[in-house]
Structure formats: structure tokens, C-alpha cells
């Protein structure tokens, strides 16, 4: 796949799926801007891209902040003169707890990052995609909220992931007339640091006892997928090979969600 001359923006590009997507897009020739709130991680991604012969820039911004996002995206466009690919990846798992234990500020934080952050990313980038003559948007959702509803206490998280898919399907017809495709990637269990940043509280209260078959990821006998497994699907959706694909969720989970 050839992205020579294309400009991509990847939110949450400092680690995990976002970093893997940035590296893969850059390896295929795209200029990749990585956006996030942790500068040291972003600069590490940029350094890795440049060490491999690619081109990249770091954009430090809070995806929930209107002014910061406007400045970051305009900085990229002013520098490169176009925008072709947007990977809306940044997000958090947040607090997983029974609904009567989940605090309003905990709910609000997950909604702000995952849902407002997705909205803000699209709100700020779509005008530049239109100016560039079209492009591809890939929103990173999840099996949670789309095909899986058995994660104890994940109400806020699942709500945001369901909403992301609704956004994708709502916008596919709206943006199609501008030659902009938008799709969702829904990973299952992936070996990233996001799991380490999940706070689970009173899961025994929110959960339902069940015995899963040996290896609840059928394709890999229970072994979690890798960020690269998701990144390669993102690259496909960004490419001309997916030129007639829009408004579509793709589950990258080794059939995990079909057991749940």
C-alpha cells in the first residue's frame, strides 16, 4: 500500500494501537502526525518513525480541549497543506464499577475522553479533509458496546464505544458526498498498556458468573492480539484498497466477541 504524499493524523499515537498505526502508516510513505497529551511518548514515536526513514511530527494536545485541538490540527495543515487520513484512537478504559457505585465524575471523565474526544477530533479534521478533496477516517471502537456486553462494570466505557460506532454509521452517508470514508475498528483483547490503566471496583457485584471455554479467543487459544494486528486493519481502511468501504465496523478479536 502506497501512502506517498498523504498526510495522516493519529490521536493517542504515543503508545499501543495508536503508535502501531502511526508506524505502519509511516512505513508505507505517509507523513504522520501523532497527537496526545504525553509529550515524551509522542516524541519517542516520532523518533522511531524518523529512524526508519519516515517523516513525522508530535502534536501535544488534550483531545477534549477545543482550543488545543484547533491549534494542533491547524498546525499540521499549515505545515503540510493537506490532510488525508485521520485515526481517532485516543481513549481510556476509565473506571469499571457497578452503576450505583460509579461516581458522576468518573462517568464524566470516560465520556469526555472517549466521546467528546472523538467528536472533537472529527469536528476539527473534517474541514481539512474536505479541503484536501476527501480522505479516510478510522475510529477505534471496541467489541465492548458493539458485540460484547459482559465486562463487569464497563457501562461508561461500553456506552462510549457504542456511540462511536453510531457516529461512524451516522456520518458515512453525510461525508460520502465529500469523498470521505469513515469506518470503525473494534478490537477485542489486545496486548496494550490500556489494561494496566483500568480501575475495576466491586466487579463481583457487577459481573455474572460464567464458565468460558478453554481459551476465550478461539483463533489463538486465548492469547491476546497485538497492536500490529489492529494497525494492519487500520492501514487497509486508510488505503485505496478499501475505496468502497464506509460506515462499517471491523472486529479484530479472533472471534472473542462471538463467545460473549
Protein backbone atom coordinates (compact mmCIF):
# COMPACT_ATOMS: atom_id res chain seq x y z
CA UNK A 1 0.00 0.00 0.00
CA UNK A 2 1.38 3.36 -1.03
CA UNK A 3 0.68 6.49 1.01
CA UNK A 4 3.37 8.63 -0.59
CA UNK A 5 2.26 12.25 -0.42
CA UNK A 6 -0.51 11.52 2.08
CA UNK A 7 -0.73 13.21 5.48
CA UNK A 8 -2.13 11.30 8.45
CA UNK A 9 -3.15 12.30 11.96
CA UNK A 10 -3.19 9.64 14.67
CA UNK A 11 -4.56 10.52 18.10
CA UNK A 12 -3.19 8.61 21.03
CA UNK A 13 -0.14 7.97 18.87
CA UNK A 14 2.33 7.67 21.73
CA UNK A 15 1.57 4.07 22.66
CA UNK A 16 -0.39 0.92 21.93
CA UNK A 17 -2.63 0.75 18.89
CA UNK A 18 -2.07 4.40 18.01
CA UNK A 19 1.69 4.03 17.94
CA UNK A 20 1.48 0.84 15.89
CA UNK A 21 -0.84 2.55 13.40
CA UNK A 22 1.49 5.54 13.12
CA UNK A 23 4.49 3.31 12.48
CA UNK A 24 2.66 1.26 9.84
CA UNK A 25 1.31 4.29 8.00
CA UNK A 26 4.73 5.94 8.01
CA UNK A 27 6.35 2.74 6.74
CA UNK A 28 4.06 2.94 3.72
CA UNK A 29 5.12 6.52 2.96
CA UNK A 30 2.61 8.71 4.82
CA UNK A 31 3.67 11.79 6.74
CA UNK A 32 2.27 11.04 10.20
CA UNK A 33 1.42 13.50 12.95
CA UNK A 34 0.95 11.85 16.33
CA UNK A 35 -1.27 13.68 18.79
CA UNK A 36 -1.65 13.15 22.54
CA UNK A 37 -1.07 14.67 25.95
CA UNK A 38 2.18 12.90 26.88
CA UNK A 39 4.99 14.63 25.04
CA UNK A 40 7.72 12.14 25.87
CA UNK A 41 5.74 9.26 24.36
CA UNK A 42 4.87 11.24 21.23
CA UNK A 43 8.49 12.25 20.65
CA UNK A 44 9.55 8.62 21.08
CA UNK A 45 7.11 7.61 18.33
CA UNK A 46 8.38 10.39 16.07
CA UNK A 47 11.98 9.32 16.69
CA UNK A 48 11.14 5.71 15.81
CA UNK A 49 9.43 6.77 12.59
CA UNK A 50 12.32 9.00 11.59
CA UNK A 51 14.89 6.33 12.44
CA UNK A 52 13.13 4.08 9.94
CA UNK A 53 13.31 6.77 7.26
CA UNK A 54 9.82 8.21 7.68
CA UNK A 55 8.56 11.69 8.44
CA UNK A 56 6.52 12.70 11.47
CA UNK A 57 5.66 15.41 13.95
CA UNK A 58 4.39 15.45 17.52
CA UNK A 59 1.30 17.48 18.45
CA UNK A 60 0.77 17.83 22.19
CA UNK A 61 -2.89 18.44 22.95
CA UNK A 62 -5.77 17.34 25.16
CA UNK A 63 -8.34 15.82 22.79
CA UNK A 64 -11.17 17.13 24.98
CA UNK A 65 -10.00 20.75 24.72
CA UNK A 66 -11.42 22.75 21.82
CA UNK A 67 -8.68 25.36 21.62
CA UNK A 68 -5.82 22.89 21.94
CA UNK A 69 -7.29 20.64 19.26
CA UNK A 70 -7.96 23.52 16.90
CA UNK A 71 -4.37 24.72 17.27
CA UNK A 72 -2.87 21.24 16.84
CA UNK A 73 -4.81 20.35 13.71
CA UNK A 74 -4.26 23.76 12.10
CA UNK A 75 -0.53 23.46 12.86
CA UNK A 76 -0.42 20.21 10.92
CA UNK A 77 -2.41 21.55 7.99
CA UNK A 78 -0.43 24.79 7.83
CA UNK A 79 2.77 22.75 7.76
CA UNK A 80 1.79 20.14 5.16
CA UNK A 81 -1.03 21.80 3.23
CA UNK A 82 -3.35 18.79 3.30
CA UNK A 83 -4.88 16.05 5.42
CA UNK A 84 -5.84 12.63 4.06
CA UNK A 85 -6.09 10.13 6.92
CA UNK A 86 -7.42 10.50 10.45
CA UNK A 87 -7.14 7.74 13.05
CA UNK A 88 -9.32 8.64 16.04
CA UNK A 89 -7.72 6.29 18.52
CA UNK A 90 -7.17 8.16 21.80
CA UNK A 91 -9.24 6.87 24.67
CA UNK A 92 -9.33 5.42 28.16
CA UNK A 93 -10.96 2.46 29.83
CA UNK A 94 -11.73 4.58 32.86
CA UNK A 95 -13.44 3.21 35.95
CA UNK A 96 -15.36 -0.05 35.72
CA UNK A 97 -17.79 -0.34 38.63
CA UNK A 98 -21.44 -1.19 39.34
CA UNK A 99 -23.75 1.59 38.15
CA UNK A 100 -24.76 2.54 41.70
CA UNK A 101 -21.09 2.73 42.69
CA UNK A 102 -19.80 4.55 39.59
CA UNK A 103 -19.39 8.19 40.57
CA UNK A 104 -20.65 11.03 38.34
CA UNK A 105 -17.16 12.47 37.89
CA UNK A 106 -15.87 9.02 36.88
CA UNK A 107 -18.64 8.70 34.31
CA UNK A 108 -17.99 12.22 33.03
CA UNK A 109 -14.25 11.59 32.58
CA UNK A 110 -14.77 8.50 30.41
CA UNK A 111 -17.44 10.25 28.35
CA UNK A 112 -15.23 13.32 27.95
CA UNK A 113 -12.15 11.49 26.70
CA UNK A 114 -13.75 8.77 24.59
CA UNK A 115 -16.82 10.52 23.21
CA UNK A 116 -16.13 14.24 23.33
CA UNK A 117 -12.58 13.46 22.25
CA UNK A 118 -13.83 11.55 19.21
CA UNK A 119 -16.27 14.33 18.37
CA UNK A 120 -13.56 16.96 18.76
CA UNK A 121 -11.17 15.02 16.54
CA UNK A 122 -13.77 14.74 13.78
CA UNK A 123 -15.06 18.28 14.24
CA UNK A 124 -11.58 19.72 13.80
CA UNK A 125 -10.32 17.48 10.99
CA UNK A 126 -13.29 17.10 8.64
CA UNK A 127 -12.98 20.65 7.22
CA UNK A 128 -9.36 19.92 6.26
CA UNK A 129 -10.29 16.57 4.73
CA UNK A 130 -12.91 18.36 2.64
CA UNK A 131 -10.36 20.95 1.56
CA UNK A 132 -7.98 18.15 0.57
CA UNK A 133 -10.60 16.53 -1.66
CA UNK A 134 -11.56 13.65 0.64
CA UNK A 135 -9.88 11.00 2.72
CA UNK A 136 -10.37 8.24 5.23
CA UNK A 137 -11.32 8.34 8.92
CA UNK A 138 -10.85 5.31 11.14
CA UNK A 139 -12.42 5.39 14.60
CA UNK A 140 -11.10 2.90 17.14
CA UNK A 141 -14.11 1.50 18.97
CA UNK A 142 -14.21 -1.88 20.76
CA UNK A 143 -16.03 -5.17 20.98
CA UNK A 144 -17.44 -3.69 24.20
CA UNK A 145 -20.62 -1.85 23.36
CA UNK A 146 -20.86 -3.32 19.87
CA UNK A 147 -20.92 -7.12 20.28
CA UNK A 148 -19.89 -7.65 23.90
CA UNK A 149 -21.80 -6.53 26.99
CA UNK A 150 -20.41 -8.84 29.64
CA UNK A 151 -17.48 -6.84 31.03
CA UNK A 152 -18.37 -6.18 34.68
CA UNK A 153 -18.97 -2.52 35.41
CA UNK A 154 -17.96 -1.25 31.97
CA UNK A 155 -21.12 0.82 31.50
CA UNK A 156 -19.47 4.16 30.75
CA UNK A 157 -16.82 2.61 28.53
CA UNK A 158 -19.31 0.48 26.60
CA UNK A 159 -21.61 3.47 26.15
CA UNK A 160 -18.81 5.45 24.52
CA UNK A 161 -17.83 2.57 22.26
CA UNK A 162 -21.41 2.00 21.14
CA UNK A 163 -21.71 5.73 20.49
CA UNK A 164 -18.53 5.76 18.41
CA UNK A 165 -19.98 3.12 16.10
CA UNK A 166 -23.24 5.09 15.86
CA UNK A 167 -21.22 8.19 14.93
CA UNK A 168 -19.42 6.26 12.19
CA UNK A 169 -22.64 4.95 10.70
CA UNK A 170 -24.39 8.32 11.01
CA UNK A 171 -21.54 10.14 9.28
CA UNK A 172 -20.85 7.66 6.46
CA UNK A 173 -23.71 8.99 4.26
CA UNK A 174 -23.10 12.59 5.35
CA UNK A 175 -19.40 12.56 4.49
CA UNK A 176 -19.64 10.31 1.44
CA UNK A 177 -20.59 13.20 -0.83
CA UNK A 178 -17.28 14.81 0.13
CA UNK A 179 -15.33 11.66 -0.81
CA UNK A 180 -14.62 10.98 2.85
CA UNK A 181 -14.91 7.41 4.09
CA UNK A 182 -15.36 6.64 7.79
CA UNK A 183 -15.14 3.21 9.39
CA UNK A 184 -14.75 1.67 12.83
CA UNK A 185 -12.25 -0.87 14.07
CA UNK A 186 -13.44 -2.84 17.10
CA UNK A 187 -10.58 -4.64 18.84
CA UNK A 188 -11.01 -7.37 21.39
CA UNK A 189 -8.34 -8.16 23.94
CA UNK A 190 -5.12 -6.57 22.69
CA UNK A 191 -1.79 -6.62 24.48
CA UNK A 192 -1.51 -2.89 25.26
CA UNK A 193 -0.94 -0.77 28.35
CA UNK A 194 -4.58 0.40 28.47
CA UNK A 195 -5.43 -2.67 30.54
CA UNK A 196 -2.89 -1.53 33.15
CA UNK A 197 -4.71 1.81 33.40
CA UNK A 198 -8.13 0.30 34.08
CA UNK A 199 -9.57 0.62 37.57
CA UNK A 200 -12.07 -2.11 38.37
CA UNK A 201 -14.15 -1.79 41.53
CA UNK A 202 -16.60 -4.31 43.00
CA UNK A 203 -16.55 -6.37 39.82
CA UNK A 204 -18.10 -9.31 41.65
CA UNK A 205 -21.20 -7.16 42.20
CA UNK A 206 -21.49 -6.11 38.55
CA UNK A 207 -20.45 -9.41 37.00
CA UNK A 208 -22.36 -12.59 36.28
CA UNK A 209 -20.68 -15.94 36.93
CA UNK A 210 -19.98 -17.86 33.75
CA UNK A 211 -17.51 -20.52 32.64
CA UNK A 212 -15.83 -19.68 29.36
CA UNK A 213 -14.46 -22.42 27.13
CA UNK A 214 -10.72 -23.06 27.27
CA UNK A 215 -9.13 -20.10 25.54
CA UNK A 216 -11.82 -17.45 25.18
CA UNK A 217 -10.19 -16.17 21.98
CA UNK A 218 -10.86 -19.10 19.64
CA UNK A 219 -8.39 -18.12 16.94
CA UNK A 220 -5.40 -18.01 19.29
CA UNK A 221 -6.42 -20.33 22.15
CA UNK A 222 -6.80 -17.36 24.47
CA UNK A 223 -3.69 -15.40 23.54
CA UNK A 224 -4.39 -11.67 23.20
CA UNK A 225 -3.89 -9.97 19.87
CA UNK A 226 -1.09 -7.49 19.22
CA UNK A 227 -1.32 -3.80 18.39
CA UNK A 228 0.08 -4.64 14.95
CA UNK A 229 -2.95 -6.84 14.25
CA UNK A 230 -5.17 -3.79 14.62
CA UNK A 231 -2.74 -1.44 12.87
CA UNK A 232 -2.75 -3.50 9.70
CA UNK A 233 -6.54 -3.31 9.50
CA UNK A 234 -6.31 0.46 10.03
CA UNK A 235 -3.84 0.69 7.16
CA UNK A 236 -6.20 -1.28 4.92
CA UNK A 237 -9.13 1.02 5.75
CA UNK A 238 -6.96 4.07 5.10
CA UNK A 239 -5.91 2.78 1.70
CA UNK A 240 -7.48 2.74 -1.74
CA UNK A 241 -7.98 -0.99 -1.31
CA UNK A 242 -10.93 -0.02 0.93
CA UNK A 243 -12.19 2.62 -1.50
CA UNK A 244 -15.77 1.29 -1.43
CA UNK A 245 -15.88 0.57 2.32
CA UNK A 246 -17.56 3.10 4.59
CA UNK A 247 -19.81 3.04 7.64
CA UNK A 248 -18.51 -0.41 8.50
CA UNK A 249 -17.30 -1.94 11.77
CA UNK A 250 -14.50 -4.48 11.59
CA UNK A 251 -13.97 -6.62 14.68
CA UNK A 252 -10.34 -7.56 15.31
CA UNK A 253 -10.76 -10.05 18.09
CA UNK A 254 -10.06 -13.60 16.92
CA UNK A 255 -13.81 -14.34 17.37
CA UNK A 256 -13.66 -13.42 21.06
CA UNK A 257 -16.85 -11.34 20.91
CA UNK A 258 -18.80 -14.20 19.35
CA UNK A 259 -18.40 -16.17 22.60
CA UNK A 260 -19.59 -13.33 24.80
